[in-house]
Amino acid sequence: MGASGLGRSLQRFPSELYHRSDDPDDPRFGNVIVQVSEIPADCRRAAVIVGVPQDIGVERNGGRAGAALAPRAIRIALSKLTLGTLADDVARGEFVIADAGDIDVAGKTLEQIHDEQHDIVSAILSAGHLPIVLGGGHDCAWPTLRALESTGLPFGVINIDAHADVRPLKEGRAHSGSAFHQLLSMTPSHLLAGGFAEFGLQPYSVASAHLDFVRHHGMQVWMLDEIRQHGVPAAWKHVWDACSVAQRTYVSLDIDAFASAYAPGVSAPAADGFTPAEIAPCLRHAARSGSLVAFDVVECNPVLDIDGRTAKLAAVMIAEVLQGSD
């Protein structure tokens, strides 16, 4: 898959910012991430990273700016992680991790950025690769949802989040809290019946009207306390079984789903929330299933972070997906 296959221009991420190990016995992600142009034509399994360095949608939704810096911070954190069991597959060329770069957002409206993201994600999907989108605000989910719809094939969606993000548009414009309102309002739609799940919503972070909106459309709502009652593995299996019927599932991870002790660098931190040990197995399961077709990490805000803690957490969650995909 050459760079030309991605359509509109992307800004290459400076590879010199990636951490690289000089020890052949201790390879890091930074040692193996390649440019999109380096993906072999006969590659069967590849993950393609795309950065969306903007927080226009966050500001439209009344949030705190800073998420535009997340793609850079997450990439650097990811590059320092060890490859683990991926090392052999990557060395044999059986799995490729590529970086397509960042969408050029300079001087563009959110709508223009969304259109470019749609085209890029569509190209990655068409090539049979796994897009991993680094937000940016959660409005980044909307172009990916559009790209899945553009395939004309059924799909499911799981939103791991403290918030439902089903707020109506503001003066006809999208924002960081509207992506799943747009999804459920989309017509025609190839979203599976009952194939959208809100996973981890917190009672003091979501309005009852928004819960009603999701349920009215026949979709799933799993509150954090309900998940704890059932146990995360059992709750996740229930959600995954419903959303993966078509074997085309998109998982969107809002990093504010985690307790602020683990993710202080977000626009809307919550004292309560998931622990990394609860979500990591869910992401590994999704990737190993063979049904995961798109993944993103959104709402990381390096401006508000402490010692890069949130960017590191986002990187580890991406690594879990990559490990599961090998």
C-alpha atoms as a PDB file:
ATOM      1  CA  MET A   1       0.000   0.000   0.000  1.00  0.00           C
ATOM      2  CA  GLY A   2       1.788   3.125  -1.193  1.00  0.00           C
ATOM      3  CA  ALA A   3       1.294   6.588   0.189  1.00  0.00           C
ATOM      4  CA  SER A   4      -0.644   7.470  -2.955  1.00  0.00           C
ATOM      5  CA  GLY A   5      -3.297   5.002  -1.867  1.00  0.00           C
ATOM      6  CA  LEU A   6      -4.182   7.276   1.020  1.00  0.00           C
ATOM      7  CA  GLY A   7      -5.522   9.994  -1.257  1.00  0.00           C
ATOM      8  CA  ARG A   8      -4.971  13.436   0.184  1.00  0.00           C
ATOM      9  CA  SER A   9      -1.714  14.636   1.654  1.00  0.00           C
ATOM     10  CA  LEU A  10      -0.438  13.583   5.050  1.00  0.00           C
ATOM     11  CA  GLN A  11       2.396  15.074   7.052  1.00  0.00           C
ATOM     12  CA  ARG A  12       5.100  12.501   7.715  1.00  0.00           C
ATOM     13  CA  PHE A  13       5.856  12.027  11.398  1.00  0.00           C
ATOM     14  CA  PRO A  14       9.581  12.707  11.990  1.00  0.00           C
ATOM     15  CA  SER A  15      11.005   9.210  12.396  1.00  0.00           C
ATOM     16  CA  GLU A  16      13.937  10.614  14.348  1.00  0.00           C
ATOM     17  CA  LEU A  17      11.522  11.247  17.229  1.00  0.00           C
ATOM     18  CA  TYR A  18      10.920   7.520  17.567  1.00  0.00           C
ATOM     19  CA  HIS A  19      12.948   5.828  20.275  1.00  0.00           C
ATOM     20  CA  ARG A  20      15.144   3.062  18.891  1.00  0.00           C
ATOM     21  CA  SER A  21      17.066   0.458  20.821  1.00  0.00           C
ATOM     22  CA  ASP A  22      20.656  -0.376  19.888  1.00  0.00           C
ATOM     23  CA  ASP A  23      20.347  -3.770  21.577  1.00  0.00           C
ATOM     24  CA  PRO A  24      19.279  -6.492  19.105  1.00  0.00           C
ATOM     25  CA  ASP A  25      17.988  -8.525  22.043  1.00  0.00           C
ATOM     26  CA  ASP A  26      15.742  -5.668  23.200  1.00  0.00           C
ATOM     27  CA  PRO A  27      13.817  -4.348  20.170  1.00  0.00           C
ATOM     28  CA  ARG A  28      11.246  -1.588  20.664  1.00  0.00           C
ATOM     29  CA  PHE A  29       8.281  -0.503  18.581  1.00  0.00           C
ATOM     30  CA  GLY A  30      10.380   2.404  17.351  1.00  0.00           C
ATOM     31  CA  ASN A  31      12.746  -0.074  15.707  1.00  0.00           C
ATOM     32  CA  VAL A  32      10.077  -1.674  13.524  1.00  0.00           C
ATOM     33  CA  ILE A  33       7.519   1.014  12.618  1.00  0.00           C
ATOM     34  CA  VAL A  34       7.882   1.742   8.912  1.00  0.00           C
ATOM     35  CA  GLN A  35       6.504   4.239   6.433  1.00  0.00           C
ATOM     36  CA  VAL A  36       3.324   3.283   4.579  1.00  0.00           C
ATOM     37  CA  SER A  37       5.296   3.118   1.321  1.00  0.00           C
ATOM     38  CA  GLU A  38       7.329   0.270   2.834  1.00  0.00           C
ATOM     39  CA  ILE A  39       4.355  -2.073   3.307  1.00  0.00           C
ATOM     40  CA  PRO A  40       4.964  -4.955   0.888  1.00  0.00           C
ATOM     41  CA  ALA A  41       2.404  -5.362  -1.856  1.00  0.00           C
ATOM     42  CA  ASP A  42       1.730  -8.929  -0.750  1.00  0.00           C
ATOM     43  CA  CYS A  43       1.387  -8.035   2.940  1.00  0.00           C
ATOM     44  CA  ARG A  44      -1.522  -9.894   4.536  1.00  0.00           C
ATOM     45  CA  ARG A  45      -1.498  -8.275   7.979  1.00  0.00           C
ATOM     46  CA  ALA A  46      -0.649  -4.672   8.726  1.00  0.00           C
ATOM     47  CA  ALA A  47      -1.688  -1.962  11.135  1.00  0.00           C
ATOM     48  CA  VAL A  48      -1.524   1.628   9.932  1.00  0.00           C
ATOM     49  CA  ILE A  49      -1.244   4.521  12.385  1.00  0.00           C
ATOM     50  CA  VAL A  50      -2.877   7.839  11.444  1.00  0.00           C
ATOM     51  CA  GLY A  51      -2.668  10.959  13.594  1.00  0.00           C
ATOM     52  CA  VAL A  52      -5.400  13.593  13.764  1.00  0.00           C
ATOM     53  CA  PRO A  53      -3.738  16.479  15.632  1.00  0.00           C
ATOM     54  CA  GLN A  54      -6.709  18.752  16.266  1.00  0.00           C
ATOM     55  CA  ASP A  55      -8.995  19.628  19.154  1.00  0.00           C
ATOM     56  CA  ILE A  56     -11.466  21.864  17.321  1.00  0.00           C
ATOM     57  CA  GLY A  57     -14.306  19.516  18.223  1.00  0.00           C
ATOM     58  CA  VAL A  58     -13.288  19.503  21.883  1.00  0.00           C
ATOM     59  CA  GLU A  59     -13.437  23.287  22.036  1.00  0.00           C
ATOM     60  CA  ARG A  60     -16.799  23.317  20.243  1.00  0.00           C
ATOM     61  CA  ASN A  61     -18.067  21.023  22.986  1.00  0.00           C
ATOM     62  CA  GLY A  62     -16.799  23.309  25.738  1.00  0.00           C
ATOM     63  CA  GLY A  63     -13.788  21.152  26.599  1.00  0.00           C
ATOM     64  CA  ARG A  64     -10.209  22.093  27.318  1.00  0.00           C
ATOM     65  CA  ALA A  65      -7.786  22.354  24.397  1.00  0.00           C
ATOM     66  CA  GLY A  66      -4.643  20.249  24.205  1.00  0.00           C
ATOM     67  CA  ALA A  67      -5.656  17.000  22.481  1.00  0.00           C
ATOM     68  CA  ALA A  68      -4.045  18.256  19.266  1.00  0.00           C
ATOM     69  CA  LEU A  69      -0.686  17.362  20.825  1.00  0.00           C
ATOM     70  CA  ALA A  70      -1.687  13.767  21.597  1.00  0.00           C
ATOM     71  CA  PRO A  71      -0.654  11.964  18.371  1.00  0.00           C
ATOM     72  CA  ARG A  72       2.942  13.069  18.829  1.00  0.00           C
ATOM     73  CA  ALA A  73       3.047  12.192  22.547  1.00  0.00           C
ATOM     74  CA  ILE A  74       1.411   8.783  22.037  1.00  0.00           C
ATOM     75  CA  ARG A  75       3.745   7.846  19.180  1.00  0.00           C
ATOM     76  CA  ILE A  76       6.837   8.681  21.216  1.00  0.00           C
ATOM     77  CA  ALA A  77       5.511   6.664  24.171  1.00  0.00           C
ATOM     78  CA  LEU A  78       4.652   3.721  21.898  1.00  0.00           C
ATOM     79  CA  SER A  79       8.098   3.737  20.310  1.00  0.00           C
ATOM     80  CA  LYS A  80       9.712   3.091  23.713  1.00  0.00           C
ATOM     81  CA  LEU A  81       7.686  -0.040  24.481  1.00  0.00           C
ATOM     82  CA  THR A  82       9.225  -3.474  23.959  1.00  0.00           C
ATOM     83  CA  LEU A  83       7.837  -5.645  21.178  1.00  0.00           C
ATOM     84  CA  GLY A  84       7.226  -8.743  23.262  1.00  0.00           C
ATOM     85  CA  THR A  85       5.794 -11.634  21.250  1.00  0.00           C
ATOM     86  CA  LEU A  86       5.430  -9.427  18.180  1.00  0.00           C
ATOM     87  CA  ALA A  87       9.179  -9.407  17.568  1.00  0.00           C
ATOM     88  CA  ASP A  88       9.330 -12.718  15.707  1.00  0.00           C
ATOM     89  CA  ASP A  89       6.333 -12.051  13.439  1.00  0.00           C
ATOM     90  CA  VAL A  90       7.619  -8.608  12.540  1.00  0.00           C
ATOM     91  CA  ALA A  91      11.114  -9.955  11.892  1.00  0.00           C
ATOM     92  CA  ARG A  92       9.677 -12.586   9.543  1.00  0.00           C
ATOM     93  CA  GLY A  93       7.597  -9.968   7.719  1.00  0.00           C
ATOM     94  CA  GLU A  94       4.355 -11.627   8.754  1.00  0.00           C
ATOM     95  CA  PHE A  95       3.041  -8.484  10.446  1.00  0.00           C
ATOM     96  CA  VAL A  96       3.809  -4.875   9.567  1.00  0.00           C
ATOM     97  CA  ILE A  97       3.286  -1.750  11.654  1.00  0.00           C
ATOM     98  CA  ALA A  98       3.271   1.388   9.521  1.00  0.00           C
ATOM     99  CA  ASP A  99       2.876   5.082  10.235  1.00  0.00           C
ATOM    100  CA  ALA A 100       0.942   7.049   7.632  1.00  0.00           C
ATOM    101  CA  GLY A 101       1.681  10.337   9.385  1.00  0.00           C
ATOM    102  CA  ASP A 102      -0.651  13.101  10.489  1.00  0.00           C
ATOM    103  CA  ILE A 103      -3.515  14.697   8.650  1.00  0.00           C
ATOM    104  CA  ASP A 104      -2.449  18.223   7.687  1.00  0.00           C
ATOM    105  CA  VAL A 105      -4.923  20.285   9.707  1.00  0.00           C
ATOM    106  CA  ALA A 106      -3.411  23.746   9.207  1.00  0.00           C
ATOM    107  CA  GLY A 107      -6.020  26.324   8.192  1.00  0.00           C
ATOM    108  CA  LYS A 108      -8.761  23.739   7.739  1.00  0.00           C
ATOM    109  CA  THR A 109     -12.219  23.500   9.233  1.00  0.00           C
ATOM    110  CA  LEU A 110     -13.199  20.492  11.298  1.00  0.00           C
ATOM    111  CA  GLU A 111     -15.445  19.381   8.460  1.00  0.00           C
ATOM    112  CA  GLN A 112     -12.556  19.455   5.984  1.00  0.00           C
ATOM    113  CA  ILE A 113     -10.380  17.479   8.394  1.00  0.00           C
ATOM    114  CA  HIS A 114     -13.149  14.939   8.831  1.00  0.00           C
ATOM    115  CA  ASP A 115     -13.469  14.535   5.063  1.00  0.00           C
ATOM    116  CA  GLU A 116      -9.750  13.878   4.738  1.00  0.00           C
ATOM    117  CA  GLN A 117      -9.794  11.392   7.607  1.00  0.00           C
ATOM    118  CA  HIS A 118     -12.707   9.582   5.973  1.00  0.00           C
ATOM    119  CA  ASP A 119     -10.759   9.200   2.731  1.00  0.00           C
ATOM    120  CA  ILE A 120      -7.600   8.020   4.492  1.00  0.00           C
ATOM    121  CA  VAL A 121      -9.350   5.479   6.707  1.00  0.00           C
ATOM    122  CA  SER A 122     -11.331   4.248   3.687  1.00  0.00           C
ATOM    123  CA  ALA A 123      -8.096   3.651   1.784  1.00  0.00           C
ATOM    124  CA  ILE A 124      -6.602   1.696   4.696  1.00  0.00           C
ATOM    125  CA  LEU A 125      -9.740  -0.425   4.997  1.00  0.00           C
ATOM    126  CA  SER A 126      -9.765  -1.061   1.249  1.00  0.00           C
ATOM    127  CA  ALA A 127      -6.201  -2.319   1.464  1.00  0.00           C
ATOM    128  CA  GLY A 128      -7.288  -4.811   4.133  1.00  0.00           C
ATOM    129  CA  HIS A 129      -5.234  -3.191   6.888  1.00  0.00           C
ATOM    130  CA  LEU A 130      -6.183  -2.133  10.411  1.00  0.00           C
ATOM    131  CA  PRO A 131      -6.401   1.651  10.854  1.00  0.00           C
ATOM    132  CA  ILE A 132      -5.288   2.889  14.277  1.00  0.00           C
ATOM    133  CA  VAL A 133      -6.363   6.500  14.635  1.00  0.00           C
ATOM    134  CA  LEU A 134      -4.721   8.745  17.197  1.00  0.00           C
ATOM    135  CA  GLY A 135      -6.963  11.622  18.254  1.00  0.00           C
ATOM    136  CA  GLY A 136      -7.616  14.403  18.784  1.00  0.00           C
ATOM    137  CA  GLY A 137     -11.066  14.742  20.186  1.00  0.00           C
ATOM    138  CA  HIS A 138     -13.714  12.046  20.018  1.00  0.00           C
ATOM    139  CA  ASP A 139     -15.187  13.676  16.931  1.00  0.00           C
ATOM    140  CA  CYS A 140     -12.444  11.626  15.188  1.00  0.00           C
ATOM    141  CA  ALA A 141     -14.829   8.686  15.484  1.00  0.00           C
ATOM    142  CA  TRP A 142     -17.299  10.174  13.022  1.00  0.00           C
ATOM    143  CA  PRO A 143     -15.069  10.003   9.890  1.00  0.00           C
ATOM    144  CA  THR A 144     -14.122   6.425  10.775  1.00  0.00           C
ATOM    145  CA  LEU A 145     -17.798   5.531  11.150  1.00  0.00           C
ATOM    146  CA  ARG A 146     -18.476   7.116   7.762  1.00  0.00           C
ATOM    147  CA  ALA A 147     -15.630   5.109   6.251  1.00  0.00           C
ATOM    148  CA  LEU A 148     -17.123   1.884   7.598  1.00  0.00           C
ATOM    149  CA  GLU A 149     -20.529   2.874   6.237  1.00  0.00           C
ATOM    150  CA  SER A 150     -18.945   3.633   2.863  1.00  0.00           C
ATOM    151  CA  THR A 151     -17.915  -0.011   2.503  1.00  0.00           C
ATOM    152  CA  GLY A 152     -21.585  -0.963   2.236  1.00  0.00           C
ATOM    153  CA  LEU A 153     -21.022  -3.862   4.642  1.00  0.00           C
ATOM    154  CA  PRO A 154     -22.608  -4.465   8.065  1.00  0.00           C
ATOM    155  CA  PHE A 155     -20.529  -3.430  11.066  1.00  0.00           C
ATOM    156  CA  GLY A 156     -20.644  -3.083  14.852  1.00  0.00           C
ATOM    157  CA  VAL A 157     -19.219  -0.435  17.180  1.00  0.00           C
ATOM    158  CA  ILE A 158     -18.109  -0.427  20.817  1.00  0.00           C
ATOM    159  CA  ASN A 159     -17.456   2.878  22.546  1.00  0.00           C
ATOM    160  CA  ILE A 160     -15.363   2.485  25.709  1.00  0.00           C
ATOM    161  CA  ASP A 161     -16.087   5.760  27.429  1.00  0.00           C
ATOM    162  CA  ALA A 162     -17.275   7.513  30.559  1.00  0.00           C
ATOM    163  CA  HIS A 163     -19.552   9.632  28.337  1.00  0.00           C
ATOM    164  CA  ALA A 164     -22.134   8.568  25.762  1.00  0.00           C
ATOM    165  CA  ASP A 165     -21.129  11.181  23.151  1.00  0.00           C
ATOM    166  CA  VAL A 166     -24.633  11.292  21.701  1.00  0.00           C
ATOM    167  CA  ARG A 167     -25.122  15.036  22.021  1.00  0.00           C
ATOM    168  CA  PRO A 168     -26.893  16.733  19.114  1.00  0.00           C
ATOM    169  CA  LEU A 169     -24.943  18.818  16.631  1.00  0.00           C
ATOM    170  CA  LYS A 170     -24.319  22.437  17.575  1.00  0.00           C
ATOM    171  CA  GLU A 171     -25.724  24.778  14.936  1.00  0.00           C
ATOM    172  CA  GLY A 172     -25.457  21.903  12.498  1.00  0.00           C
ATOM    173  CA  ARG A 173     -21.801  21.255  13.293  1.00  0.00           C
ATOM    174  CA  ALA A 174     -20.113  18.178  14.728  1.00  0.00           C
ATOM    175  CA  HIS A 175     -18.109  18.276  17.943  1.00  0.00           C
ATOM    176  CA  SER A 176     -16.331  15.912  20.310  1.00  0.00           C
ATOM    177  CA  GLY A 177     -19.583  14.816  21.942  1.00  0.00           C
ATOM    178  CA  SER A 178     -21.677  14.152  18.831  1.00  0.00           C
ATOM    179  CA  ALA A 179     -20.089  11.223  16.942  1.00  0.00           C
ATOM    180  CA  PHE A 180     -22.460   8.514  18.135  1.00  0.00           C
ATOM    181  CA  HIS A 181     -25.526  10.733  17.816  1.00  0.00           C
ATOM    182  CA  GLN A 182     -24.494  11.083  14.187  1.00  0.00           C
ATOM    183  CA  LEU A 183     -24.032   7.303  13.950  1.00  0.00           C
ATOM    184  CA  LEU A 184     -27.492   6.506  15.292  1.00  0.00           C
ATOM    185  CA  SER A 185     -29.089   9.228  13.155  1.00  0.00           C
ATOM    186  CA  MET A 186     -27.399   8.044   9.958  1.00  0.00           C
ATOM    187  CA  THR A 187     -29.637   6.866   7.122  1.00  0.00           C
ATOM    188  CA  PRO A 188     -29.216   4.590   5.355  1.00  0.00           C
ATOM    189  CA  SER A 189     -27.080   2.650   7.793  1.00  0.00           C
ATOM    190  CA  HIS A 190     -25.292  -0.693   7.791  1.00  0.00           C
ATOM    191  CA  LEU A 191     -24.889  -0.641  11.572  1.00  0.00           C
ATOM    192  CA  LEU A 192     -26.028  -3.984  12.958  1.00  0.00           C
ATOM    193  CA  ALA A 193     -29.306  -4.044  14.856  1.00  0.00           C
ATOM    194  CA  GLY A 194     -28.232  -3.840  18.492  1.00  0.00           C
ATOM    195  CA  GLY A 195     -24.655  -3.622  17.236  1.00  0.00           C
ATOM    196  CA  PHE A 196     -23.609  -0.442  19.022  1.00  0.00           C
ATOM    197  CA  ALA A 197     -22.571  -0.571  22.677  1.00  0.00           C
ATOM    198  CA  GLU A 198     -21.691   2.121  25.187  1.00  0.00           C
ATOM    199  CA  PHE A 199     -19.250   0.425  27.564  1.00  0.00           C
ATOM    200  CA  GLY A 200     -18.282   1.988  30.888  1.00  0.00           C
ATOM    201  CA  LEU A 201     -20.591   5.005  31.094  1.00  0.00           C
ATOM    202  CA  GLN A 202     -20.505   6.711  34.461  1.00  0.00           C
ATOM    203  CA  PRO A 203     -23.709   7.871  36.179  1.00  0.00           C
ATOM    204  CA  TYR A 204     -22.437  11.369  36.888  1.00  0.00           C
ATOM    205  CA  SER A 205     -20.966  11.811  33.415  1.00  0.00           C
ATOM    206  CA  VAL A 206     -23.996  11.118  31.215  1.00  0.00           C
ATOM    207  CA  ALA A 207     -27.501  12.580  31.157  1.00  0.00           C
ATOM    208  CA  SER A 208     -30.508  10.276  31.405  1.00  0.00           C
ATOM    209  CA  ALA A 209     -31.824  11.753  28.157  1.00  0.00           C
ATOM    210  CA  HIS A 210     -28.672  10.562  26.397  1.00  0.00           C
ATOM    211  CA  LEU A 211     -29.083   7.064  27.820  1.00  0.00           C
ATOM    212  CA  ASP A 212     -32.678   7.092  26.613  1.00  0.00           C
ATOM    213  CA  PHE A 213     -31.517   8.136  23.135  1.00  0.00           C
ATOM    214  CA  VAL A 214     -29.206   5.135  22.854  1.00  0.00           C
ATOM    215  CA  ARG A 215     -31.783   2.709  24.208  1.00  0.00           C
ATOM    216  CA  HIS A 216     -34.514   4.143  21.995  1.00  0.00           C
ATOM    217  CA  HIS A 217     -32.414   3.092  19.010  1.00  0.00           C
ATOM    218  CA  GLY A 218     -32.221  -0.459  20.349  1.00  0.00           C
ATOM    219  CA  MET A 219     -28.556  -0.229  21.287  1.00  0.00           C
ATOM    220  CA  GLN A 220     -26.678  -1.364  24.383  1.00  0.00           C
ATOM    221  CA  VAL A 221     -25.821   0.702  27.457  1.00  0.00           C
ATOM    222  CA  TRP A 222     -23.434  -0.753  30.009  1.00  0.00           C
ATOM    223  CA  MET A 223     -22.849   1.492  32.994  1.00  0.00           C
ATOM    224  CA  LEU A 224     -19.592   1.135  34.906  1.00  0.00           C
ATOM    225  CA  ASP A 225     -21.279  -0.144  38.066  1.00  0.00           C
ATOM    226  CA  GLU A 226     -23.284  -2.691  36.038  1.00  0.00           C
ATOM    227  CA  ILE A 227     -20.086  -3.944  34.414  1.00  0.00           C
ATOM    228  CA  ARG A 228     -18.528  -4.377  37.848  1.00  0.00           C
ATOM    229  CA  GLN A 229     -21.514  -6.381  39.030  1.00  0.00           C
ATOM    230  CA  HIS A 230     -21.184  -8.803  36.133  1.00  0.00           C
ATOM    231  CA  GLY A 231     -17.394  -8.661  35.975  1.00  0.00           C
ATOM    232  CA  VAL A 232     -15.546  -6.990  33.110  1.00  0.00           C
ATOM    233  CA  PRO A 233     -14.815 -10.229  31.186  1.00  0.00           C
ATOM    234  CA  ALA A 234     -18.461 -11.358  31.221  1.00  0.00           C
ATOM    235  CA  ALA A 235     -19.778  -7.905  30.307  1.00  0.00           C
ATOM    236  CA  TRP A 236     -17.260  -7.563  27.496  1.00  0.00           C
ATOM    237  CA  LYS A 237     -18.141 -10.993  26.080  1.00  0.00           C
ATOM    238  CA  HIS A 238     -21.815 -10.037  26.001  1.00  0.00           C
ATOM    239  CA  VAL A 239     -21.069  -6.790  24.202  1.00  0.00           C
ATOM    240  CA  TRP A 240     -18.579  -8.322  21.806  1.00  0.00           C
ATOM    241  CA  ASP A 241     -20.864 -11.187  20.835  1.00  0.00           C
ATOM    242  CA  ALA A 242     -23.580  -8.701  19.847  1.00  0.00           C
ATOM    243  CA  CYS A 243     -21.328  -6.228  18.050  1.00  0.00           C
ATOM    244  CA  SER A 244     -19.146  -8.705  16.160  1.00  0.00           C
ATOM    245  CA  VAL A 245     -21.851 -10.708  14.390  1.00  0.00           C
ATOM    246  CA  ALA A 246     -20.765  -9.299  11.035  1.00  0.00           C
ATOM    247  CA  GLN A 247     -17.076  -9.830  11.924  1.00  0.00           C
ATOM    248  CA  ARG A 248     -16.439  -6.150  11.269  1.00  0.00           C
ATOM    249  CA  THR A 249     -16.162  -4.304  14.579  1.00  0.00           C
ATOM    250  CA  TYR A 250     -14.780  -0.875  15.399  1.00  0.00           C
ATOM    251  CA  VAL A 251     -13.583  -0.200  18.947  1.00  0.00           C
ATOM    252  CA  SER A 252     -13.241   3.416  20.028  1.00  0.00           C
ATOM    253  CA  LEU A 253     -11.331   4.020  23.255  1.00  0.00           C
ATOM    254  CA  ASP A 254     -11.848   7.364  24.964  1.00  0.00           C
ATOM    255  CA  ILE A 255      -8.995   7.545  27.413  1.00  0.00           C
ATOM    256  CA  ASP A 256     -11.233   9.298  29.971  1.00  0.00           C
ATOM    257  CA  ALA A 257     -12.899   5.908  30.521  1.00  0.00           C
ATOM    258  CA  PHE A 258     -10.010   5.242  32.890  1.00  0.00           C
ATOM    259  CA  ALA A 259      -9.866   6.582  36.445  1.00  0.00           C
ATOM    260  CA  SER A 260      -7.912   9.829  36.644  1.00  0.00           C
ATOM    261  CA  ALA A 261      -5.239   8.107  38.736  1.00  0.00           C
ATOM    262  CA  TYR A 262      -4.274   6.345  35.505  1.00  0.00           C
ATOM    263  CA  ALA A 263      -5.342   9.020  32.992  1.00  0.00           C
ATOM    264  CA  PRO A 264      -4.994  12.536  34.430  1.00  0.00           C
ATOM    265  CA  GLY A 265      -4.317  14.066  31.026  1.00  0.00           C
ATOM    266  CA  VAL A 266      -7.834  14.322  29.622  1.00  0.00           C
ATOM    267  CA  SER A 267     -10.259  17.158  29.069  1.00  0.00           C
ATOM    268  CA  ALA A 268     -12.821  15.726  31.505  1.00  0.00           C
ATOM    269  CA  PRO A 269     -11.070  13.518  34.097  1.00  0.00           C
ATOM    270  CA  ALA A 270     -13.127  11.261  36.362  1.00  0.00           C
ATOM    271  CA  ALA A 271     -12.113  10.108  39.830  1.00  0.00           C
ATOM    272  CA  ASP A 272     -13.632   6.701  39.115  1.00  0.00           C
ATOM    273  CA  GLY A 273     -13.229   4.566  36.027  1.00  0.00           C
ATOM    274  CA  PHE A 274     -11.592   1.493  34.571  1.00  0.00           C
ATOM    275  CA  THR A 275      -8.121   0.301  35.439  1.00  0.00           C
ATOM    276  CA  PRO A 276      -5.679  -0.597  32.638  1.00  0.00           C
ATOM    277  CA  ALA A 277      -5.745  -4.237  33.776  1.00  0.00           C
ATOM    278  CA  GLU A 278      -9.503  -4.363  33.121  1.00  0.00           C
ATOM    279  CA  ILE A 279      -9.439  -2.995  29.567  1.00  0.00           C
ATOM    280  CA  ALA A 280      -6.218  -4.542  28.254  1.00  0.00           C
ATOM    281  CA  PRO A 281      -7.680  -8.088  28.031  1.00  0.00           C
ATOM    282  CA  CYS A 282     -10.750  -6.710  26.239  1.00  0.00           C
ATOM    283  CA  LEU A 283      -8.588  -5.134  23.555  1.00  0.00           C
ATOM    284  CA  ARG A 284      -6.437  -8.247  23.195  1.00  0.00           C
ATOM    285  CA  HIS A 285      -9.596 -10.310  22.796  1.00  0.00           C
ATOM    286  CA  ALA A 286     -10.951  -7.932  20.158  1.00  0.00           C
ATOM    287  CA  ALA A 287      -7.736  -8.052  18.148  1.00  0.00           C
ATOM    288  CA  ARG A 288      -7.329 -11.823  18.426  1.00  0.00           C
ATOM    289  CA  SER A 289     -10.890 -12.417  17.263  1.00  0.00           C
ATOM    290  CA  GLY A 290     -10.021 -11.408  13.722  1.00  0.00           C
ATOM    291  CA  SER A 291     -13.135  -9.212  13.640  1.00  0.00           C
ATOM    292  CA  LEU A 292     -11.549  -5.912  14.671  1.00  0.00           C
ATOM    293  CA  VAL A 293     -11.417  -3.660  11.621  1.00  0.00           C
ATOM    294  CA  ALA A 294     -10.728  -0.237  13.168  1.00  0.00           C
ATOM    295  CA  PHE A 295      -9.423   1.134  16.449  1.00  0.00           C
ATOM    296  CA  ASP A 296      -8.799   4.558  17.875  1.00  0.00           C
ATOM    297  CA  VAL A 297      -7.582   6.237  21.043  1.00  0.00           C
ATOM    298  CA  VAL A 298      -8.987   9.699  21.652  1.00  0.00           C
ATOM    299  CA  GLU A 299      -9.161  12.581  24.135  1.00  0.00           C
ATOM    300  CA  CYS A 300      -5.612  12.268  25.496  1.00  0.00           C
ATOM    301  CA  ASN A 301      -4.483  15.787  26.470  1.00  0.00           C
ATOM    302  CA  PRO A 302      -0.722  16.142  27.003  1.00  0.00           C
ATOM    303  CA  VAL A 303      -1.158  19.731  28.227  1.00  0.00           C
ATOM    304  CA  LEU A 304      -2.984  18.385  31.285  1.00  0.00           C
ATOM    305  CA  ASP A 305      -0.946  15.207  31.700  1.00  0.00           C
ATOM    306  CA  ILE A 306       1.336  14.298  34.606  1.00  0.00           C
ATOM    307  CA  ASP A 307       4.725  12.818  33.687  1.00  0.00           C
ATOM    308  CA  GLY A 308       3.273  11.628  30.372  1.00  0.00           C
ATOM    309  CA  ARG A 309       1.146   9.127  32.275  1.00  0.00           C
ATOM    310  CA  THR A 310      -1.884   9.300  29.982  1.00  0.00           C
ATOM    311  CA  ALA A 311       0.098   9.162  26.741  1.00  0.00           C
ATOM    312  CA  LYS A 312       1.932   6.105  28.096  1.00  0.00           C
ATOM    313  CA  LEU A 313      -1.390   4.463  28.945  1.00  0.00           C
ATOM    314  CA  ALA A 314      -2.719   5.167  25.450  1.00  0.00           C
ATOM    315  CA  ALA A 315       0.449   3.656  23.984  1.00  0.00           C
ATOM    316  CA  VAL A 316       0.094   0.503  26.085  1.00  0.00           C
ATOM    317  CA  MET A 317      -3.515   0.079  24.949  1.00  0.00           C
ATOM    318  CA  ILE A 318      -2.384   0.351  21.322  1.00  0.00           C
ATOM    319  CA  ALA A 319       0.342  -2.198  22.022  1.00  0.00           C
ATOM    320  CA  GLU A 320      -2.320  -4.574  23.401  1.00  0.00           C
ATOM    321  CA  VAL A 321      -4.212  -4.312  20.105  1.00  0.00           C
ATOM    322  CA  LEU A 322      -1.042  -4.864  18.088  1.00  0.00           C
ATOM    323  CA  GLN A 323      -0.046  -7.864  20.201  1.00  0.00           C
ATOM    324  CA  GLY A 324      -3.483  -9.350  19.734  1.00  0.00           C
ATOM    325  CA  SER A 325      -3.286  -8.804  15.986  1.00  0.00           C
ATOM    326  CA  ASP A 326      -0.078 -10.797  15.489  1.00  0.00           C
END
